[in-house]
Amino acid sequence: MTKRLPPGVRALGKRFQARYTGPDGHRYTRTFSTSPMASSWLEHEKRLVDLDVWTPPDKRAETKNVDGITVRQLADRYLEARSKGARPLKQTSADDYRDLFRRRVAPYPIADAAVTELTRRTVLDWRDTIDEDHETPTQNGKASTYLHTLLQYAVEEEIIGSNPHTLKGRGKPARRTEPRVFPPEHWPAYLDALPERWRAASLLVLTTGLRRGEVLGLRWEDVDLEAGIVHVRQAASVVQDADGRRSRTVLTTPKTRAGRRDVPIIPAWVQTIRNNLPPRGEASGPELIWHQGDGSPERGDGWYNQHRKAMRTVGWNVKLHEFRNTFLTLAASQGGATTHELQILGGHSTPAMAMHYQVAVPERLRSVVDRMDERFTKPDA
């Protein structure tokens, strides 16, 4: 059976031609060695059109200075390109990319190597070196994935013909441990061990699955306790200054459309949340519930430190972010939420990410098997 090619791609012998009609009405084509590369180029061209920054490919090639461009320069060019258009990269994401590059790429020779001279061996040697220097599989994997993204951008910009970083076995590593669920029967003891200022904040994560930054970005008008609904419209995010040495907390809109959402609170805990919210100030308007003395957003370090102390008091070791796992796992195991519903509740842009935050609860697995068992005729002993 012949494999169907992506739209806009046709086979030319052993090569593949991508073609499309640009906003200027002219037909543009480019030939690649593989179908995925042709499809990727088409997607890139379409993205430029959608962002209203498209120019003819040949004109772009004329304005490029690709001779000798280094990986470091490519990273700067990539972030600059992603900062423009209708859907610019969030500053927090750009900060994360810069930090990854500074810690895992910049200290090594590959950073100042010419992109056009990179080989698969060069990339593999770099990855082996950072694995030897840093026993941080997750961060190393993220850095490897980011380098792959940079080099794929170089392909799309026609700086190189193919990506020398294949990512096979070198991307994000498997989890070392499964995330933990904090059982509801232990919530009261945990809340008693937590300073009053942060009780409602922790409860909102446990009962709505909000991210820490989303809780710290809540205004009084965003929490409707009469309806039992939390409106997620912004988040408190830590961003770095240009030199990367100082940081500050700012309010940002959700990174994706899925992040802007209305989440119901577990009804049994609404009154407890109401009783533990910090006192409201006299200021009118969109006042933050949790803020510093001057009204600016909280960074959240104090909350996180008090959470760890409360966890030690009750004899558990569950991270604050794992409260989010707890809510989504309970929503699936006890609430019967579908994957799509979990995706909406968690503000995830993909079903895969929603599944990433679930934990298999043994009791739930047993009930699943028991329900299956009811449909079978018991065999003779």
Protein backbone atom coordinates (compact mmCIF):
# COMPACT_ATOMS: atom_id res chain seq x y z
CA MET A 1 0.00 0.00 0.00
CA THR A 2 1.43 3.39 -1.05
CA LYS A 3 1.92 5.80 1.84
CA ARG A 4 -0.08 9.00 1.38
CA LEU A 5 2.05 12.13 1.24
CA PRO A 6 1.22 15.26 3.25
CA PRO A 7 -0.76 17.99 1.45
CA GLY A 8 1.49 20.12 -0.73
CA VAL A 9 4.19 17.46 -1.03
CA ARG A 10 4.79 15.25 -4.07
CA ALA A 11 7.37 12.59 -4.87
CA LEU A 12 9.98 13.32 -7.52
CA GLY A 13 11.84 10.06 -7.88
CA LYS A 14 13.67 9.55 -4.58
CA ARG A 15 13.17 13.16 -3.51
CA PHE A 16 10.16 15.18 -2.37
CA GLN A 17 9.00 18.54 -3.58
CA ALA A 18 7.10 20.94 -1.32
CA ARG A 19 5.04 23.62 -3.06
CA TYR A 20 2.62 26.34 -2.08
CA THR A 21 1.14 29.60 -3.33
CA GLY A 22 2.38 32.63 -1.42
CA PRO A 23 0.36 35.71 -0.41
CA ASP A 24 1.74 37.42 -3.52
CA GLY A 25 0.03 34.84 -5.75
CA HIS A 26 3.26 33.20 -6.92
CA ARG A 27 4.05 29.48 -6.63
CA TYR A 28 7.08 28.54 -4.49
CA THR A 29 8.76 25.15 -4.39
CA ARG A 30 11.68 23.44 -2.69
CA THR A 31 12.95 19.87 -2.97
CA PHE A 32 14.05 17.74 0.00
CA SER A 33 15.51 14.30 0.57
CA THR A 34 12.63 13.20 2.84
CA SER A 35 8.90 13.79 3.05
CA PRO A 36 8.98 15.00 6.70
CA MET A 37 11.55 17.67 5.80
CA ALA A 38 9.36 18.88 2.93
CA SER A 39 6.32 18.95 5.21
CA SER A 40 8.27 20.82 7.92
CA TRP A 41 9.31 23.50 5.43
CA LEU A 42 5.69 23.95 4.32
CA GLU A 43 4.54 24.28 7.94
CA HIS A 44 7.24 26.90 8.54
CA GLU A 45 6.16 28.90 5.48
CA LYS A 46 2.52 28.71 6.60
CA ARG A 47 3.50 29.92 10.06
CA LEU A 48 5.24 32.95 8.56
CA VAL A 49 2.08 33.71 6.58
CA ASP A 50 -0.11 33.33 9.68
CA LEU A 51 2.18 35.65 11.66
CA ASP A 52 2.09 38.18 8.82
CA VAL A 53 5.90 38.24 8.55
CA TRP A 54 6.22 36.25 5.32
CA THR A 55 8.50 37.36 2.51
CA PRO A 56 9.47 35.34 -0.60
CA PRO A 57 12.00 32.60 0.25
CA ASP A 58 14.52 33.86 -2.32
CA LYS A 59 14.40 37.37 -0.84
CA ARG A 60 15.01 35.93 2.61
CA ALA A 61 18.02 34.01 1.29
CA GLU A 62 19.49 37.22 -0.17
CA THR A 63 19.31 39.05 3.17
CA LYS A 64 20.86 36.24 5.23
CA ASN A 65 24.46 36.15 6.29
CA VAL A 66 24.77 32.44 6.94
CA ASP A 67 28.51 32.07 6.35
CA GLY A 68 30.08 31.30 9.68
CA ILE A 69 26.98 31.85 11.81
CA THR A 70 27.61 30.11 15.12
CA VAL A 71 25.24 28.16 17.33
CA ARG A 72 25.36 31.05 19.82
CA GLN A 73 24.34 33.53 17.10
CA LEU A 74 21.67 31.14 15.87
CA ALA A 75 20.15 31.01 19.37
CA ASP A 76 19.97 34.81 19.48
CA ARG A 77 18.41 34.92 16.02
CA TYR A 78 15.87 32.24 16.93
CA LEU A 79 14.68 34.02 20.08
CA GLU A 80 14.50 37.32 18.23
CA ALA A 81 12.36 35.72 15.51
CA ARG A 82 10.10 34.06 18.08
CA SER A 83 9.57 37.37 19.89
CA LYS A 84 7.73 38.84 16.92
CA GLY A 85 4.45 38.20 15.14
CA ALA A 86 0.90 37.60 16.27
CA ARG A 87 1.86 34.92 18.83
CA PRO A 88 5.22 35.98 20.31
CA LEU A 89 7.11 33.75 22.70
CA LYS A 90 6.36 34.50 26.36
CA GLN A 91 9.21 36.14 28.23
CA THR A 92 9.24 33.34 30.80
CA SER A 93 9.76 30.78 28.03
CA ALA A 94 12.51 32.90 26.45
CA ASP A 95 14.19 33.15 29.87
CA ASP A 96 14.07 29.37 30.24
CA TYR A 97 15.67 28.91 26.82
CA ARG A 98 18.42 31.44 27.58
CA ASP A 99 19.11 29.76 30.91
CA LEU A 100 19.34 26.32 29.27
CA PHE A 101 21.76 27.67 26.69
CA ARG A 102 23.86 29.48 29.30
CA ARG A 103 24.19 26.41 31.52
CA ARG A 104 24.39 23.54 29.03
CA VAL A 105 25.58 24.91 25.68
CA ALA A 106 27.54 28.14 26.16
CA PRO A 107 30.37 26.58 28.24
CA TYR A 108 31.19 24.08 25.48
CA PRO A 109 32.96 24.43 22.09
CA ILE A 110 29.77 23.67 20.18
CA ALA A 111 28.41 27.11 21.12
CA ASP A 112 30.97 28.87 18.93
CA ALA A 113 31.04 26.28 16.17
CA ALA A 114 29.71 27.25 12.75
CA VAL A 115 26.25 25.82 12.23
CA THR A 116 27.11 24.81 8.67
CA GLU A 117 29.99 22.67 9.93
CA LEU A 118 28.12 20.74 12.63
CA THR A 119 27.90 16.97 12.23
CA ARG A 120 25.95 14.32 14.06
CA ARG A 121 29.20 13.27 15.77
CA THR A 122 29.76 16.83 17.02
CA VAL A 123 26.32 16.93 18.60
CA LEU A 124 26.66 13.47 20.17
CA ASP A 125 30.04 14.39 21.66
CA TRP A 126 28.49 17.51 23.20
CA ARG A 127 25.64 15.50 24.69
CA ASP A 128 28.00 12.87 26.11
CA THR A 129 30.07 15.65 27.69
CA ILE A 130 27.16 17.39 29.44
CA ASP A 131 25.93 14.02 30.72
CA GLU A 132 29.37 13.47 32.26
CA ASP A 133 29.55 16.99 33.70
CA HIS A 134 26.00 17.25 35.03
CA GLU A 135 24.03 14.48 36.76
CA THR A 136 20.75 16.17 35.83
CA PRO A 137 19.05 14.00 33.19
CA THR A 138 15.96 16.20 32.92
CA GLN A 139 17.86 19.45 32.34
CA ASN A 140 20.30 17.74 29.99
CA GLY A 141 17.38 16.34 28.03
CA LYS A 142 15.72 19.75 27.82
CA ALA A 143 18.97 21.30 26.58
CA SER A 144 19.30 18.58 23.97
CA THR A 145 15.74 19.16 22.80
CA TYR A 146 16.36 22.91 22.62
CA LEU A 147 19.49 22.43 20.51
CA HIS A 148 17.46 20.22 18.19
CA THR A 149 14.87 23.02 17.91
CA LEU A 150 17.57 25.57 17.10
CA LEU A 151 19.05 23.39 14.38
CA GLN A 152 15.61 22.66 12.96
CA TYR A 153 15.09 26.41 12.77
CA ALA A 154 18.36 26.59 10.83
CA VAL A 155 16.92 24.04 8.39
CA GLU A 156 13.71 26.03 8.00
CA GLU A 157 15.72 29.21 7.43
CA GLU A 158 17.74 27.38 4.75
CA ILE A 159 21.00 27.83 6.63
CA ILE A 160 21.63 24.06 6.57
CA GLY A 161 20.03 21.32 4.51
CA SER A 162 19.31 18.83 7.29
CA ASN A 163 19.33 18.65 11.08
CA PRO A 164 22.48 16.95 12.43
CA HIS A 165 20.75 16.35 15.78
CA THR A 166 18.50 13.31 15.47
CA LEU A 167 17.37 13.33 19.14
CA LYS A 168 17.10 9.53 19.13
CA GLY A 169 17.41 8.53 22.77
CA ARG A 170 18.80 11.98 23.56
CA GLY A 171 15.69 14.00 24.31
CA LYS A 172 13.64 14.21 27.47
CA PRO A 173 14.46 11.24 29.76
CA ALA A 174 11.94 8.95 31.38
CA ARG A 175 10.76 9.88 34.86
CA ARG A 176 12.98 8.67 37.66
CA THR A 177 10.00 8.39 39.99
CA GLU A 178 6.27 8.61 39.50
CA PRO A 179 4.62 11.77 40.90
CA ARG A 180 2.88 11.31 44.23
CA VAL A 181 -0.72 11.83 45.26
CA PHE A 182 -1.51 13.47 48.61
CA PRO A 183 -4.50 11.59 50.11
CA PRO A 184 -7.44 13.84 51.12
CA GLU A 185 -7.59 12.33 54.62
CA HIS A 186 -4.27 14.05 55.36
CA TRP A 187 -5.27 17.48 54.06
CA PRO A 188 -6.65 18.82 57.41
CA ALA A 189 -3.44 18.00 59.31
CA TYR A 190 -1.37 19.60 56.56
CA LEU A 191 -3.48 22.77 56.64
CA ASP A 192 -3.15 22.99 60.42
CA ALA A 193 0.64 22.86 60.04
CA LEU A 194 0.62 25.61 57.38
CA PRO A 195 0.63 29.34 58.27
CA GLU A 196 -2.81 30.87 57.84
CA ARG A 197 -1.63 33.13 55.01
CA TRP A 198 -1.02 30.19 52.67
CA ARG A 199 -3.82 27.77 53.58
CA ALA A 200 -6.29 28.91 50.94
CA ALA A 201 -3.53 29.03 48.33
CA SER A 202 -2.57 25.40 48.91
CA LEU A 203 -6.23 24.37 49.02
CA LEU A 204 -6.85 26.01 45.66
CA VAL A 205 -4.12 23.88 44.10
CA LEU A 206 -5.53 20.73 45.74
CA THR A 207 -9.15 21.46 44.82
CA THR A 208 -8.77 23.03 41.36
CA GLY A 209 -5.39 21.83 40.04
CA LEU A 210 -4.17 25.38 39.36
CA ARG A 211 -0.47 25.98 38.86
CA ARG A 212 1.38 27.86 41.61
CA GLY A 213 1.82 30.94 39.41
CA GLU A 214 -1.88 30.88 38.48
CA VAL A 215 -2.87 30.93 42.16
CA LEU A 216 -0.52 33.84 42.85
CA GLY A 217 -2.01 35.71 39.90
CA LEU A 218 -5.60 35.47 41.19
CA ARG A 219 -7.51 38.67 41.86
CA TRP A 220 -10.49 38.80 44.20
CA GLU A 221 -12.79 39.08 41.20
CA ASP A 222 -11.37 35.81 39.81
CA VAL A 223 -12.57 33.69 42.75
CA ASP A 224 -16.36 33.29 42.77
CA LEU A 225 -17.05 31.27 45.91
CA GLU A 226 -20.82 31.64 45.54
CA ALA A 227 -20.67 29.77 42.23
CA GLY A 228 -17.67 27.69 43.30
CA ILE A 229 -15.64 28.77 40.25
CA VAL A 230 -12.10 30.08 39.76
CA HIS A 231 -11.43 32.15 36.62
CA VAL A 232 -7.84 31.75 35.40
CA ARG A 233 -6.88 34.86 33.46
CA GLN A 234 -3.25 35.54 34.44
CA ALA A 235 -0.31 34.16 36.38
CA ALA A 236 2.57 35.49 38.43
CA SER A 237 5.82 34.64 36.64
CA VAL A 238 9.46 35.22 37.50
CA VAL A 239 11.36 36.80 34.60
CA GLN A 240 15.04 37.65 34.25
CA ASP A 241 16.66 40.92 33.30
CA ALA A 242 18.67 41.04 30.10
CA ASP A 243 21.93 40.17 31.87
CA GLY A 244 20.33 37.12 33.50
CA ARG A 245 21.62 38.14 36.93
CA ARG A 246 18.49 39.67 38.42
CA SER A 247 14.88 38.61 38.34
CA ARG A 248 11.50 40.11 39.11
CA THR A 249 7.92 38.89 39.35
CA VAL A 250 5.41 40.06 36.75
CA LEU A 251 1.85 39.20 35.76
CA THR A 252 1.52 37.40 32.43
CA THR A 253 -1.37 36.05 30.41
CA PRO A 254 -1.63 32.27 29.83
CA LYS A 255 0.90 30.85 27.36
CA THR A 256 -1.82 28.99 25.43
CA ARG A 257 -5.55 29.36 24.87
CA ALA A 258 -6.09 26.27 27.01
CA GLY A 259 -4.55 28.08 29.99
CA ARG A 260 -7.36 30.64 30.05
CA ARG A 261 -10.16 28.67 31.69
CA ASP A 262 -12.86 28.51 34.38
CA VAL A 263 -12.31 25.73 36.92
CA PRO A 264 -14.92 24.50 39.44
CA ILE A 265 -13.81 24.05 43.05
CA ILE A 266 -14.51 20.77 44.86
CA PRO A 267 -17.72 21.86 46.68
CA ALA A 268 -16.86 20.27 50.04
CA TRP A 269 -13.88 22.62 50.39
CA VAL A 270 -15.42 25.93 49.30
CA GLN A 271 -16.26 27.08 52.83
CA THR A 272 -12.80 26.11 54.11
CA ILE A 273 -11.23 28.19 51.35
CA ARG A 274 -13.52 31.10 52.23
CA ASN A 275 -12.53 30.89 55.91
CA ASN A 276 -8.81 30.88 55.13
CA LEU A 277 -8.46 33.58 52.47
CA PRO A 278 -6.21 36.45 53.59
CA PRO A 279 -7.97 39.66 54.65
CA ARG A 280 -9.00 41.82 51.73
CA GLY A 281 -7.53 45.30 51.56
CA GLU A 282 -9.53 48.46 51.14
CA ALA A 283 -8.39 49.01 47.55
CA SER A 284 -11.06 48.59 44.90
CA GLY A 285 -10.55 47.12 41.44
CA PRO A 286 -8.45 44.15 40.30
CA GLU A 287 -6.51 43.66 43.54
CA LEU A 288 -4.37 40.53 43.87
CA ILE A 289 -5.35 38.17 46.68
CA TRP A 290 -1.71 37.39 47.49
CA HIS A 291 0.68 40.27 47.01
CA GLN A 292 3.67 42.04 48.51
CA GLY A 293 3.36 45.15 50.65
CA ASP A 294 3.41 47.46 47.65
CA GLY A 295 0.71 45.48 45.86
CA SER A 296 3.11 43.80 43.41
CA PRO A 297 2.85 40.04 42.73
CA GLU A 298 4.22 37.53 45.21
CA ARG A 299 7.17 35.44 44.07
CA GLY A 300 5.96 32.48 46.11
CA ASP A 301 9.22 31.45 47.79
CA GLY A 302 7.71 31.93 51.24
CA TRP A 303 4.73 29.75 50.33
CA TYR A 304 6.96 26.99 49.00
CA ASN A 305 9.20 27.03 52.09
CA GLN A 306 6.22 26.89 54.46
CA HIS A 307 4.76 24.05 52.40
CA ARG A 308 7.90 21.98 52.85
CA LYS A 309 7.86 22.58 56.62
CA ALA A 310 4.19 21.54 56.83
CA MET A 311 4.94 18.40 54.81
CA ARG A 312 7.68 17.41 57.24
CA THR A 313 5.28 18.00 60.15
CA VAL A 314 2.70 15.57 58.77
CA GLY A 315 5.32 13.03 57.69
CA TRP A 316 4.89 13.33 53.93
CA ASN A 317 7.17 14.43 51.11
CA VAL A 318 4.87 15.70 48.35
CA LYS A 319 5.99 18.72 46.34
CA LEU A 320 3.65 21.67 45.97
CA HIS A 321 3.47 21.08 42.21
CA GLU A 322 2.39 17.50 42.90
CA PHE A 323 -0.81 18.86 44.45
CA ARG A 324 -1.75 19.46 40.82
CA ASN A 325 -1.15 15.78 40.11
CA THR A 326 -3.30 14.99 43.12
CA PHE A 327 -6.28 16.98 41.85
CA LEU A 328 -6.15 15.60 38.30
CA THR A 329 -5.67 12.04 39.54
CA LEU A 330 -8.66 12.34 41.89
CA ALA A 331 -10.70 13.91 39.08
CA ALA A 332 -10.05 10.80 36.98
CA SER A 333 -10.13 8.07 39.64
CA GLN A 334 -12.99 9.37 41.80
CA GLY A 335 -14.70 11.90 39.55
CA GLY A 336 -14.58 9.75 36.40
CA ALA A 337 -13.23 12.64 34.27
CA THR A 338 -12.38 11.80 30.66
CA THR A 339 -9.01 12.68 29.16
CA HIS A 340 -10.58 15.64 27.36
CA GLU A 341 -12.12 16.90 30.60
CA LEU A 342 -8.77 16.54 32.38
CA GLN A 343 -7.16 18.50 29.56
CA ILE A 344 -9.63 21.36 30.10
CA LEU A 345 -9.36 21.29 33.90
CA GLY A 346 -5.57 21.32 33.81
CA GLY A 347 -5.29 23.94 31.10
CA HIS A 348 -3.27 21.60 28.90
CA SER A 349 -2.92 22.17 25.17
CA THR A 350 -2.60 18.44 24.38
CA PRO A 351 -4.16 15.21 25.72
CA ALA A 352 -0.65 13.77 26.20
CA MET A 353 0.21 16.50 28.70
CA ALA A 354 -3.03 15.86 30.58
CA MET A 355 -2.11 12.19 30.88
CA HIS A 356 1.37 13.17 32.08
CA TYR A 357 -0.15 14.61 35.25
CA GLN A 358 -2.16 11.54 36.21
CA VAL A 359 -1.05 8.86 38.63
CA ALA A 360 -2.39 5.30 38.53
CA VAL A 361 -4.15 4.68 41.86
CA PRO A 362 -4.15 0.95 42.82
CA GLU A 363 -7.72 1.08 44.15
CA ARG A 364 -8.93 2.60 40.89
CA LEU A 365 -7.12 -0.05 38.85
CA ARG A 366 -8.73 -2.79 40.94
CA SER A 367 -12.20 -1.30 40.43
CA VAL A 368 -11.58 -1.22 36.66
CA VAL A 369 -10.68 -4.91 36.63
CA ASP A 370 -13.61 -5.75 38.91
CA ARG A 371 -16.04 -4.08 36.51
CA MET A 372 -14.54 -6.06 33.64
CA ASP A 373 -14.85 -9.22 35.71
CA GLU A 374 -18.61 -8.71 36.04
CA ARG A 375 -18.99 -9.16 32.28
CA PHE A 376 -17.41 -12.60 32.22
CA THR A 377 -18.92 -15.95 33.12
CA LYS A 378 -16.91 -17.49 35.93
CA PRO A 379 -14.94 -20.53 34.64
CA ASP A 380 -15.22 -23.86 36.36
CA ALA A 381 -12.57 -24.44 39.01
